[in-house]
Amino acid sequence: MLLSGLEQLSGLPLELLRSHALDGALTAMTGTPGGTAGRWLMPSGGQGCRYSICAACLAEDGRPYWRSAWRLTVNTVCAVHMRLLIDTCRGCGRELILSGLRTASLKLCEHCGRALYDDPGPVRVRRIAKWRLVDPQDAPPRSIFSVRVVHSKLWWDGVRVLLNVLGRPRLAVKLQRAGLPRELIPVLACMARGPRLPFDRQSTAMRHQMLELVDWLTRDWPVRFISSMSAARITCGEYATAEIPVPYWLWSVCKEHLERKRYRTTLAEVSSAAALLSEAHCPVSKIAIKRLLGVTEGKALDALLPVMTRRLSDTEMLAVTSVLSADLESASTAREQRASLLRDACSIAAAAWLRISLKAASGLAVEDGLALLQEWRDAACIDGARGRLARTYLAWMELYLRGTRTRFERYDLPQRALFLSRFGVPTQGFGLASRFADLLRRSGVSEWQLGSRLLTAAPSEETLRVDHHARSSWSEDHLMQCKDAPLHRQR
C-alpha cells in the first residue's frame, strides 16, 4: 500500500520502487518482511534514533539520495568505498536523522547546515567478513556463513542471540579476562561499563565492533567459540535465558560443551561411604561422608541423613509478608518491575499457604489460583495470624489475576499456567528462592539460609497442636457467617 502511494507521488514504476525496498533483505534475515523485521532496522523515533550514511557516496551523487540499505543495523561499512558509515555530524556532533520536515539538501546537516561530504569519515576498513558485506537477500545460505544452515534466517537468529547475550555487562567483564585478541578489548570494555543498550540503539562504531566480535567467535565454528566461552566461564544457562529463541546450530553446541553440571552423588555411593565409616568405627555424619567422597552436597546425602528443620510459623510468615508489602509499596513506578514483584509475592503466598516448594508453586495452573482465591475468602474473616495472612494473600492474588497476568498474556501463545513471565511463558520459579531467602533474612528469621525448606519441612508437634486448635475453632456456622460478611482487607 505504501509503495502504491509512493508510485503515484513519484511517478516511478512500482517494480523499480520495490527493488529499492528492504522487503527482500528483511525476509532473508527474519523469514518475513514484517512483524519481527524491525529488530534489524534502525529505529525511526525515540531516544537514540539516528541514521548511518556514507559521506563519500553522497559526494559522488549528482542528485543526492540516502540508500535504503543504510537503515539496516548490520550495515556499518560502505560496500563501495569500504569506509565506516558515519551517524553524527562532524560540525555540531548531533545525530543524523532523516526528518519528514527537512528542507535542506540531503548533503547538508539538518541542524547546522555543514556539508556531510566534507569529511568522508574514518580510514578504510581493511577486512570485513563476507556475510557482513554481501546484501542479505543475495547471500546463499551455505556459501558465506560460518555454519551450514538451510535458510539465512537461522544464521541471523544466531547472530542476534550472540549480540543479546554477549552484550550483558557482566559477561563482557568475563570475556575481557578470557584472552581474546587485543583489537576486541575496546568493545568489551565499552560493553562492560554499561549501561546495556539494544543493538539498534548503539552507535555505528559500536555496532561495527560488536559484529566484529560475533564474526571472530563464529570463525572456525565451533572450536573458537567453545574455547572462548570456556575460558570466560560462560555457561549454557546464559544462552537459555536469552530473550529470543536460540537456533539449533548454536544451541546444540552450547548444550553439549558449555553445560557445567556438578557431579551428583548417588544413594549407593553415600550408603557405601557410611558403611566404610561404620566399619572403621568412625562417626557417620554428613561432613565425614563428604570428606570421604570428595563432594560438597547432594540429594543423596539428604536422603540418607535428612536435615532436621522446622516449619515456618504463621507469625513469622506475617513478618515476611509485612516486608514484602513494604517492598511492593516502595517499588519503582516502572510497570514491569512492580508487576514482576507482585507476581513473585503471589507465588510465595501460594507456596506458604499450600506448604509446597517455590518450584511447585510456579507450576500451578489458573484453576489452582481461583481455588486459592475462594479458600482465602473463606479464611479471611478468621481472627489471628491465619486470617491476616489470608486477607493479604487475597488482595495480592486479586490484583495479579485482574491486571498483571492479563498484561503478561500473549494472544499468540495461550498459557494455562498461573504465574507468567513478562514474555508470556511460565516463570518456572527463576529467582524466587533467592528473593524468599532475602525476605527471611530481613524479617529476622534466624534460619533464613534454609530458604523454602522452611515451607515444606515436617511440622513439629507444637505446630500441629497450634494448627489443630486454630482449625477446631473454625466452626461451620462461623465459616458460613464469614462468607456472607464483608471482607475487611488489610491496608
Protein backbone atom coordinates (compact mmCIF):
# COMPACT_ATOMS: atom_id res chain seq x y z
CA MET A 1 0.00 0.00 0.00
CA LEU A 2 2.84 2.41 0.84
CA LEU A 3 4.65 1.57 -2.38
CA SER A 4 1.48 2.19 -4.37
CA GLY A 5 1.12 5.61 -2.82
CA LEU A 6 4.78 6.36 -3.45
CA GLU A 7 4.31 5.28 -7.08
CA GLN A 8 1.57 7.85 -7.53
CA LEU A 9 3.56 10.61 -5.84
CA SER A 10 6.89 9.95 -7.57
CA GLY A 11 5.75 8.70 -10.93
CA LEU A 12 8.33 5.89 -10.80
CA PRO A 13 7.42 2.31 -11.79
CA LEU A 14 6.31 0.03 -8.97
CA GLU A 15 8.94 -2.61 -9.78
CA LEU A 16 11.71 -0.01 -9.52
CA LEU A 17 10.43 1.14 -6.14
CA ARG A 18 10.15 -2.46 -4.94
CA SER A 19 13.78 -3.11 -5.93
CA HIS A 20 14.89 -0.29 -3.59
CA ALA A 21 12.76 -1.54 -0.67
CA LEU A 22 14.11 -3.71 2.13
CA ASP A 23 11.50 -6.47 1.90
CA GLY A 24 13.92 -8.94 0.32
CA ALA A 25 16.71 -8.29 2.84
CA LEU A 26 14.35 -8.48 5.81
CA THR A 27 12.81 -11.70 4.53
CA ALA A 28 16.28 -13.23 4.23
CA MET A 29 17.13 -12.15 7.79
CA THR A 30 13.87 -12.85 9.59
CA GLY A 31 11.79 -15.07 7.32
CA THR A 32 9.14 -12.39 6.90
CA PRO A 33 9.15 -8.82 5.53
CA GLY A 34 7.16 -7.58 8.54
CA GLY A 35 6.48 -8.49 12.14
CA THR A 36 9.85 -9.11 13.76
CA ALA A 37 11.70 -7.38 10.93
CA GLY A 38 12.12 -4.22 12.99
CA ARG A 39 14.87 -5.85 15.06
CA TRP A 40 17.30 -5.31 12.16
CA LEU A 41 16.11 -1.80 11.25
CA MET A 42 17.40 1.47 12.66
CA PRO A 43 14.74 2.98 14.95
CA SER A 44 12.68 5.74 13.43
CA GLY A 45 11.93 7.61 16.65
CA GLY A 46 12.65 7.95 20.34
CA GLN A 47 15.89 8.28 22.28
CA GLY A 48 18.94 7.03 20.42
CA CYS A 49 17.35 7.38 16.98
CA ARG A 50 19.95 8.00 14.30
CA TYR A 51 20.82 7.08 10.73
CA SER A 52 24.11 5.94 9.21
CA ILE A 53 25.35 7.29 5.88
CA CYS A 54 28.41 7.08 3.66
CA ALA A 55 29.64 10.63 3.06
CA ALA A 56 31.71 9.50 0.06
CA CYS A 57 28.58 8.17 -1.66
CA LEU A 58 26.76 11.48 -1.13
CA ALA A 59 29.75 13.39 -2.52
CA GLU A 60 29.62 11.37 -5.75
CA ASP A 61 25.86 11.70 -6.23
CA GLY A 62 24.69 14.15 -8.88
CA ARG A 63 21.33 14.18 -7.15
CA PRO A 64 21.93 13.04 -3.55
CA TYR A 65 19.81 10.27 -2.07
CA TRP A 66 20.00 8.17 1.08
CA ARG A 67 20.31 4.45 0.39
CA SER A 68 17.69 2.18 1.91
CA ALA A 69 20.41 -0.29 2.90
CA TRP A 70 21.76 2.30 5.34
CA ARG A 71 18.73 1.61 7.54
CA LEU A 72 19.86 -1.96 8.25
CA THR A 73 21.60 -2.17 11.62
CA VAL A 74 24.16 -4.67 10.31
CA ASN A 75 25.35 -2.30 7.57
CA THR A 76 28.18 -0.38 9.22
CA VAL A 77 30.63 -0.28 6.30
CA CYS A 78 30.06 1.03 2.78
CA ALA A 79 30.46 -1.86 0.35
CA VAL A 80 31.69 0.52 -2.39
CA HIS A 81 34.23 2.70 -0.55
CA MET A 82 34.99 0.30 2.35
CA ARG A 83 34.68 3.14 4.84
CA LEU A 84 32.87 3.08 8.16
CA LEU A 85 29.48 4.79 7.94
CA ILE A 86 29.01 7.96 9.98
CA ASP A 87 25.99 8.70 12.18
CA THR A 88 26.88 12.12 13.60
CA CYS A 89 27.68 15.46 12.02
CA ARG A 90 31.36 16.39 12.25
CA GLY A 91 30.37 20.03 12.75
CA CYS A 92 27.75 20.05 15.53
CA GLY A 93 28.12 16.46 16.75
CA ARG A 94 24.39 15.76 16.59
CA GLU A 95 22.84 12.55 15.27
CA LEU A 96 21.88 12.33 11.62
CA ILE A 97 18.10 11.98 11.33
CA LEU A 98 16.11 11.96 8.12
CA SER A 99 13.18 14.14 9.18
CA GLY A 100 9.97 14.46 7.22
CA LEU A 101 10.17 18.22 7.76
CA ARG A 102 13.64 18.52 6.18
CA THR A 103 14.04 21.46 3.77
CA ALA A 104 17.83 21.40 3.39
CA SER A 105 19.69 19.28 0.85
CA LEU A 106 20.44 15.70 1.81
CA LYS A 107 24.13 16.56 1.52
CA LEU A 108 23.84 19.02 4.41
CA CYS A 109 23.37 18.52 8.13
CA GLU A 110 19.79 19.20 9.11
CA HIS A 111 20.91 21.00 12.29
CA CYS A 112 23.96 23.14 11.43
CA GLY A 113 23.96 23.09 7.61
CA ARG A 114 27.50 21.75 7.25
CA ALA A 115 28.22 19.65 4.16
CA LEU A 116 28.30 15.98 5.17
CA TYR A 117 30.71 15.08 2.36
CA ASP A 118 33.48 17.45 3.54
CA ASP A 119 34.89 14.71 5.75
CA PRO A 120 34.45 11.28 4.14
CA GLY A 121 34.82 9.59 7.51
CA PRO A 122 37.36 7.25 9.09
CA VAL A 123 40.07 5.38 7.25
CA ARG A 124 39.20 2.44 5.07
CA VAL A 125 38.27 -0.82 6.73
CA ARG A 126 40.94 -3.38 5.93
CA ARG A 127 38.94 -6.56 6.34
CA ILE A 128 35.31 -7.44 6.81
CA ALA A 129 33.51 -10.77 6.76
CA LYS A 130 31.64 -11.70 3.58
CA TRP A 131 28.37 -12.24 5.44
CA ARG A 132 28.51 -8.62 6.58
CA LEU A 133 29.40 -7.13 3.21
CA VAL A 134 27.01 -9.01 0.94
CA ASP A 135 23.37 -7.96 0.67
CA PRO A 136 21.39 -10.41 2.88
CA GLN A 137 18.97 -11.26 0.08
CA ASP A 138 21.85 -12.12 -2.26
CA ALA A 139 23.69 -14.34 0.24
CA PRO A 140 23.32 -18.10 -0.40
CA PRO A 141 22.75 -19.91 2.92
CA ARG A 142 25.78 -22.21 2.62
CA SER A 143 28.47 -20.19 0.88
CA ILE A 144 29.47 -17.30 3.14
CA PHE A 145 28.20 -18.21 6.62
CA SER A 146 30.38 -19.95 9.20
CA VAL A 147 27.77 -22.68 9.74
CA ARG A 148 25.62 -24.76 7.41
CA VAL A 149 22.01 -23.58 7.52
CA VAL A 150 19.10 -24.25 5.20
CA HIS A 151 17.86 -20.66 5.41
CA SER A 152 19.77 -17.45 6.09
CA LYS A 153 17.21 -16.56 8.79
CA LEU A 154 18.72 -19.23 11.06
CA TRP A 155 22.13 -17.60 10.80
CA TRP A 156 20.82 -14.13 11.61
CA ASP A 157 18.81 -15.51 14.54
CA GLY A 158 22.04 -16.87 15.98
CA VAL A 159 23.80 -13.54 15.42
CA ARG A 160 21.06 -11.75 17.30
CA VAL A 161 21.30 -14.22 20.20
CA LEU A 162 25.05 -13.67 20.42
CA LEU A 163 24.57 -9.90 20.39
CA ASN A 164 21.92 -10.20 23.09
CA VAL A 165 23.95 -12.47 25.39
CA LEU A 166 27.44 -11.06 24.93
CA GLY A 167 26.12 -7.50 25.29
CA ARG A 168 25.46 -8.10 29.01
CA PRO A 169 27.98 -6.05 31.02
CA ARG A 170 28.89 -8.82 33.48
CA LEU A 171 29.62 -11.24 30.62
CA ALA A 172 31.73 -8.63 28.85
CA VAL A 173 33.84 -8.41 32.02
CA LYS A 174 34.37 -12.18 31.90
CA LEU A 175 35.34 -12.05 28.22
CA GLN A 176 37.93 -9.35 28.96
CA ARG A 177 39.76 -11.87 31.14
CA ALA A 178 39.47 -14.73 28.65
CA GLY A 179 42.45 -13.77 26.49
CA LEU A 180 40.60 -12.55 23.40
CA PRO A 181 42.58 -10.63 20.71
CA ARG A 182 43.73 -7.12 21.52
CA GLU A 183 41.55 -5.49 18.86
CA LEU A 184 38.39 -6.79 20.62
CA ILE A 185 39.28 -5.36 24.04
CA PRO A 186 37.85 -1.84 23.35
CA VAL A 187 34.36 -3.11 22.51
CA LEU A 188 34.40 -5.44 25.51
CA ALA A 189 35.42 -2.54 27.75
CA CYS A 190 32.56 -0.40 26.41
CA MET A 191 30.01 -3.16 26.97
CA ALA A 192 31.39 -3.87 30.45
CA ARG A 193 30.98 -0.25 31.54
CA GLY A 194 27.31 -0.26 30.53
CA PRO A 195 24.56 0.70 30.56
CA ARG A 196 23.25 -2.07 28.36
CA LEU A 197 21.60 -0.72 25.20
CA PRO A 198 19.74 -2.57 22.45
CA PHE A 199 21.85 -3.26 19.39
CA ASP A 200 19.81 -0.95 17.16
CA ARG A 201 20.36 1.97 19.58
CA GLN A 202 24.15 1.69 19.52
CA SER A 203 26.38 4.00 17.51
CA THR A 204 27.71 2.84 14.15
CA ALA A 205 31.22 2.35 15.53
CA MET A 206 29.88 0.28 18.43
CA ARG A 207 27.70 -1.88 16.19
CA HIS A 208 30.64 -2.45 13.88
CA GLN A 209 32.83 -3.67 16.74
CA MET A 210 30.07 -5.88 18.19
CA LEU A 211 29.61 -7.55 14.80
CA GLU A 212 33.39 -7.99 14.58
CA LEU A 213 33.23 -9.81 17.93
CA VAL A 214 30.50 -12.12 16.60
CA ASP A 215 32.48 -12.72 13.42
CA TRP A 216 35.62 -13.62 15.38
CA LEU A 217 33.75 -16.02 17.68
CA THR A 218 31.98 -17.83 14.83
CA ARG A 219 35.06 -18.31 12.65
CA ASP A 220 36.31 -21.91 12.62
CA TRP A 221 33.00 -22.90 14.18
CA PRO A 222 32.65 -24.16 16.86
CA VAL A 223 36.25 -24.53 18.10
CA ARG A 224 36.97 -20.87 18.77
CA PHE A 225 33.54 -20.26 20.31
CA ILE A 226 33.87 -23.19 22.74
CA SER A 227 37.39 -22.26 23.85
CA SER A 228 36.45 -18.59 24.39
CA MET A 229 33.27 -19.36 26.32
CA SER A 230 35.07 -21.94 28.45
CA ALA A 231 37.91 -19.53 29.24
CA ALA A 232 35.37 -16.88 30.26
CA ARG A 233 33.35 -19.48 32.22
CA ILE A 234 30.16 -18.55 30.36
CA THR A 235 27.75 -21.46 30.63
CA CYS A 236 24.81 -22.74 28.64
CA GLY A 237 22.45 -21.14 31.14
CA GLU A 238 23.29 -17.67 29.82
CA TYR A 239 22.01 -18.64 26.37
CA ALA A 240 18.99 -20.41 27.86
CA THR A 241 17.86 -17.08 29.36
CA ALA A 242 18.12 -15.19 26.07
CA GLU A 243 15.00 -13.19 25.29
CA ILE A 244 14.72 -14.69 21.80
CA PRO A 245 14.68 -18.31 20.52
CA VAL A 246 18.14 -19.83 20.04
CA PRO A 247 18.64 -21.63 16.68
CA TYR A 248 19.72 -25.25 16.77
CA TRP A 249 23.20 -24.71 15.31
CA LEU A 250 24.07 -22.51 18.28
CA TRP A 251 22.02 -24.26 20.98
CA SER A 252 23.40 -27.72 20.23
CA VAL A 253 26.97 -26.51 20.77
CA CYS A 254 26.04 -24.65 23.97
CA LYS A 255 24.14 -27.63 25.35
CA GLU A 256 26.91 -30.13 24.61
CA HIS A 257 30.03 -28.13 25.50
CA LEU A 258 29.03 -25.29 27.84
CA GLU A 259 26.74 -27.02 30.32
CA ARG A 260 28.67 -27.19 33.58
CA LYS A 261 26.71 -29.55 35.80
CA ARG A 262 28.12 -30.59 39.14
CA TYR A 263 28.57 -34.29 39.77
CA ARG A 264 25.67 -35.67 41.75
CA THR A 265 26.43 -38.44 44.20
CA THR A 266 24.17 -41.47 44.15
CA LEU A 267 22.46 -43.07 47.12
CA ALA A 268 24.60 -46.22 46.61
CA GLU A 269 27.82 -44.18 46.94
CA VAL A 270 26.61 -42.48 50.11
CA SER A 271 25.48 -45.79 51.62
CA SER A 272 28.84 -47.39 50.82
CA ALA A 273 30.70 -44.47 52.38
CA ALA A 274 28.55 -44.72 55.52
CA ALA A 275 29.26 -48.47 55.74
CA LEU A 276 33.02 -47.86 55.44
CA LEU A 277 32.89 -45.28 58.22
CA SER A 278 30.93 -47.67 60.43
CA GLU A 279 33.45 -50.47 59.84
CA ALA A 280 36.28 -48.12 60.78
CA HIS A 281 34.35 -47.13 63.95
CA CYS A 282 34.21 -43.51 62.79
CA PRO A 283 31.19 -41.25 63.38
CA VAL A 284 28.83 -41.30 60.42
CA SER A 285 27.98 -37.71 59.64
CA LYS A 286 27.45 -35.58 56.56
CA ILE A 287 30.82 -33.92 56.95
CA ALA A 288 32.60 -37.27 57.22
CA ILE A 289 30.81 -38.67 54.14
CA LYS A 290 31.54 -35.55 52.10
CA ARG A 291 35.23 -35.69 53.01
CA LEU A 292 35.41 -39.35 52.13
CA LEU A 293 33.69 -38.93 48.73
CA GLY A 294 35.26 -35.55 47.95
CA VAL A 295 31.91 -33.86 47.25
CA THR A 296 30.09 -30.87 48.68
CA GLU A 297 26.35 -31.52 48.89
CA GLY A 298 23.76 -33.64 47.18
CA LYS A 299 20.26 -35.03 47.37
CA ALA A 300 21.63 -38.49 48.17
CA LEU A 301 23.16 -37.13 51.38
CA ASP A 302 19.85 -35.53 52.35
CA ALA A 303 18.04 -38.80 51.65
CA LEU A 304 20.33 -40.80 53.95
CA LEU A 305 20.77 -38.12 56.62
CA PRO A 306 17.86 -35.70 56.30
CA VAL A 307 18.24 -32.19 57.62
CA MET A 308 16.24 -31.57 60.77
CA THR A 309 14.29 -28.40 60.12
CA ARG A 310 11.17 -26.81 61.39
CA ARG A 311 8.20 -25.30 59.63
CA LEU A 312 7.78 -21.55 59.35
CA SER A 313 5.04 -20.39 61.71
CA ASP A 314 2.17 -18.08 60.72
CA THR A 315 3.58 -15.35 62.97
CA GLU A 316 6.94 -15.49 61.19
CA MET A 317 5.17 -15.54 57.83
CA LEU A 318 3.30 -12.38 58.87
CA ALA A 319 6.65 -10.63 59.33
CA VAL A 320 7.71 -11.81 55.88
CA THR A 321 4.50 -10.52 54.26
CA SER A 322 4.95 -7.17 56.02
CA VAL A 323 8.40 -6.77 54.48
CA LEU A 324 7.07 -7.88 51.09
CA SER A 325 4.15 -5.43 51.32
CA ALA A 326 6.58 -2.62 52.06
CA ASP A 327 8.63 -3.62 49.01
CA LEU A 328 5.52 -3.52 46.84
CA GLU A 329 4.59 -0.05 48.07
CA SER A 330 8.12 1.30 47.55
CA ALA A 331 8.72 -0.44 44.21
CA SER A 332 9.70 1.64 41.23
CA THR A 333 6.88 3.13 39.22
CA ALA A 334 8.15 1.13 36.26
CA ARG A 335 5.25 -1.17 35.39
CA GLU A 336 7.31 -4.27 34.68
CA GLN A 337 9.29 -4.10 37.93
CA ARG A 338 6.23 -3.65 40.12
CA ALA A 339 4.27 -6.28 38.18
CA SER A 340 7.06 -8.84 38.49
CA LEU A 341 7.31 -8.20 42.23
CA LEU A 342 3.55 -8.69 42.63
CA ARG A 343 3.73 -11.97 40.70
CA ASP A 344 6.57 -13.20 42.93
CA ALA A 345 4.61 -12.17 46.03
CA CYS A 346 1.65 -14.27 44.87
CA SER A 347 3.99 -17.22 44.18
CA ILE A 348 5.41 -17.01 47.70
CA ALA A 349 1.91 -16.68 49.15
CA ALA A 350 0.70 -19.81 47.31
CA ALA A 351 3.75 -21.82 48.42
CA ALA A 352 3.41 -20.69 52.03
CA TRP A 353 -0.32 -21.43 52.20
CA LEU A 354 -0.17 -24.81 50.47
CA ARG A 355 3.10 -25.79 52.19
CA ILE A 356 4.78 -26.64 48.89
CA SER A 357 8.10 -25.68 47.37
CA LEU A 358 8.52 -22.49 45.36
CA LYS A 359 9.21 -24.57 42.24
CA ALA A 360 5.95 -26.48 42.74
CA ALA A 361 4.10 -23.20 43.28
CA SER A 362 5.44 -21.88 39.96
CA GLY A 363 3.80 -24.88 38.24
CA LEU A 364 0.27 -24.15 39.49
CA ALA A 365 -2.50 -23.68 36.93
CA VAL A 366 -5.05 -20.87 36.73
CA GLU A 367 -7.68 -23.18 38.23
CA ASP A 368 -5.47 -23.60 41.29
CA GLY A 369 -5.26 -19.84 41.65
CA LEU A 370 -9.05 -19.48 41.53
CA ALA A 371 -9.39 -22.22 44.14
CA LEU A 372 -6.90 -20.39 46.35
CA LEU A 373 -8.93 -17.21 45.99
CA GLN A 374 -12.02 -18.97 47.31
CA GLU A 375 -10.07 -20.58 50.14
CA TRP A 376 -8.61 -17.23 51.18
CA ARG A 377 -12.04 -15.60 51.06
CA ASP A 378 -13.31 -18.24 53.49
CA ALA A 379 -10.37 -17.80 55.85
CA ALA A 380 -10.15 -14.00 55.60
CA CYS A 381 -12.69 -13.40 58.39
CA ILE A 382 -10.86 -15.59 60.90
CA ASP A 383 -9.16 -13.80 63.76
CA GLY A 384 -5.45 -14.17 64.37
CA ALA A 385 -2.41 -14.55 62.17
CA ARG A 386 -4.06 -17.02 59.80
CA GLY A 387 -6.84 -14.61 58.91
CA ARG A 388 -4.45 -11.69 58.44
CA LEU A 389 -2.35 -13.79 56.09
CA ALA A 390 -5.44 -14.79 54.11
CA ARG A 391 -6.53 -11.17 53.71
CA THR A 392 -3.09 -10.11 52.48
CA TYR A 393 -2.78 -13.05 50.09
CA LEU A 394 -6.29 -12.42 48.77
CA ALA A 395 -5.54 -8.78 47.98
CA TRP A 396 -2.33 -9.71 46.15
CA MET A 397 -3.86 -12.50 44.08
CA GLU A 398 -6.88 -10.42 43.05
CA LEU A 399 -4.59 -7.66 41.78
CA TYR A 400 -2.42 -10.17 39.94
CA LEU A 401 -5.26 -12.04 38.23
CA ARG A 402 -7.17 -8.89 37.38
CA GLY A 403 -4.32 -6.86 35.93
CA THR A 404 -0.77 -8.21 35.91
CA ARG A 405 -1.38 -11.67 34.47
CA THR A 406 -3.67 -10.23 31.81
CA ARG A 407 -0.89 -7.89 30.71
CA PHE A 408 1.67 -10.72 30.67
CA GLU A 409 -0.50 -12.97 28.48
CA ARG A 410 0.24 -13.31 24.78
CA TYR A 411 -2.54 -13.58 22.23
CA ASP A 412 -0.48 -15.95 20.07
CA LEU A 413 0.64 -18.25 22.91
CA PRO A 414 -2.21 -19.09 25.33
CA GLN A 415 -0.98 -20.41 28.67
CA ARG A 416 -2.84 -22.18 31.47
CA ALA A 417 -0.02 -21.58 33.94
CA LEU A 418 -0.90 -19.31 36.85
CA PHE A 419 2.38 -17.43 37.08
CA LEU A 420 3.73 -16.00 33.82
CA SER A 421 6.84 -14.02 32.98
CA ARG A 422 6.61 -10.74 31.10
CA PHE A 423 7.24 -12.74 27.91
CA GLY A 424 4.01 -14.72 28.34
CA VAL A 425 5.64 -18.02 29.33
CA PRO A 426 5.65 -19.88 32.68
CA THR A 427 8.19 -18.47 35.14
CA GLN A 428 9.47 -21.89 36.30
CA GLY A 429 10.38 -20.28 39.62
CA PHE A 430 13.52 -18.43 38.46
CA GLY A 431 14.81 -16.07 41.16
CA LEU A 432 12.13 -16.95 43.72
CA ALA A 433 14.42 -18.87 46.08
CA SER A 434 16.93 -16.05 46.47
CA ARG A 435 14.16 -13.48 46.90
CA PHE A 436 12.44 -15.57 49.58
CA ALA A 437 15.73 -16.14 51.44
CA ASP A 438 16.38 -12.39 51.41
CA LEU A 439 12.88 -11.75 52.79
CA LEU A 440 13.50 -14.26 55.59
CA ARG A 441 16.79 -12.57 56.45
CA ARG A 442 15.24 -9.10 56.54
CA SER A 443 12.35 -10.42 58.62
CA GLY A 444 14.71 -11.63 61.35
CA VAL A 445 14.24 -15.39 60.84
CA SER A 446 17.34 -17.00 62.33
CA GLU A 447 17.35 -19.96 59.92
CA TRP A 448 16.88 -17.87 56.79
CA GLN A 449 19.65 -19.81 54.96
CA LEU A 450 17.28 -22.80 54.71
CA GLY A 451 15.02 -20.76 52.44
CA SER A 452 11.98 -22.54 51.05
CA ARG A 453 12.76 -25.66 53.09
CA LEU A 454 11.06 -23.85 55.98
CA LEU A 455 7.83 -24.07 53.94
CA THR A 456 7.93 -27.79 53.19
CA ALA A 457 9.51 -29.17 56.38
CA ALA A 458 7.53 -31.58 58.53
CA PRO A 459 5.73 -29.64 61.29
CA SER A 460 6.77 -30.07 64.88
CA GLU A 461 4.35 -31.42 67.50
CA GLU A 462 3.88 -27.93 68.88
CA THR A 463 2.97 -26.56 65.45
CA LEU A 464 0.49 -29.39 64.92
CA ARG A 465 -1.20 -28.63 68.25
CA VAL A 466 -1.47 -24.92 67.41
CA ASP A 467 -2.86 -25.64 63.92
CA HIS A 468 -5.37 -28.16 65.29
CA HIS A 469 -6.55 -25.73 67.97
CA ALA A 470 -6.91 -22.93 65.41
CA ARG A 471 -8.83 -25.06 62.92
CA SER A 472 -11.12 -26.53 65.58
CA SER A 473 -12.20 -23.02 66.49
CA TRP A 474 -13.47 -22.51 62.93
CA SER A 475 -16.94 -23.92 63.38
CA GLU A 476 -19.06 -24.49 60.30
CA ASP A 477 -21.61 -21.93 61.45
CA HIS A 478 -18.89 -19.35 61.94
CA LEU A 479 -17.46 -20.00 58.46
CA MET A 480 -20.90 -19.71 56.85
CA GLN A 481 -21.37 -16.32 58.54
CA CYS A 482 -17.94 -15.23 57.31
CA LYS A 483 -18.84 -16.00 53.71
CA ASP A 484 -21.69 -13.51 53.85
CA ALA A 485 -19.78 -10.91 55.86
CA PRO A 486 -17.99 -8.02 54.09
CA LEU A 487 -14.26 -8.54 53.69
CA HIS A 488 -12.05 -6.15 55.69
CA ARG A 489 -8.86 -6.00 53.73
CA GLN A 490 -5.57 -5.12 55.23
CA ARG A 491 -4.07 -1.88 54.06
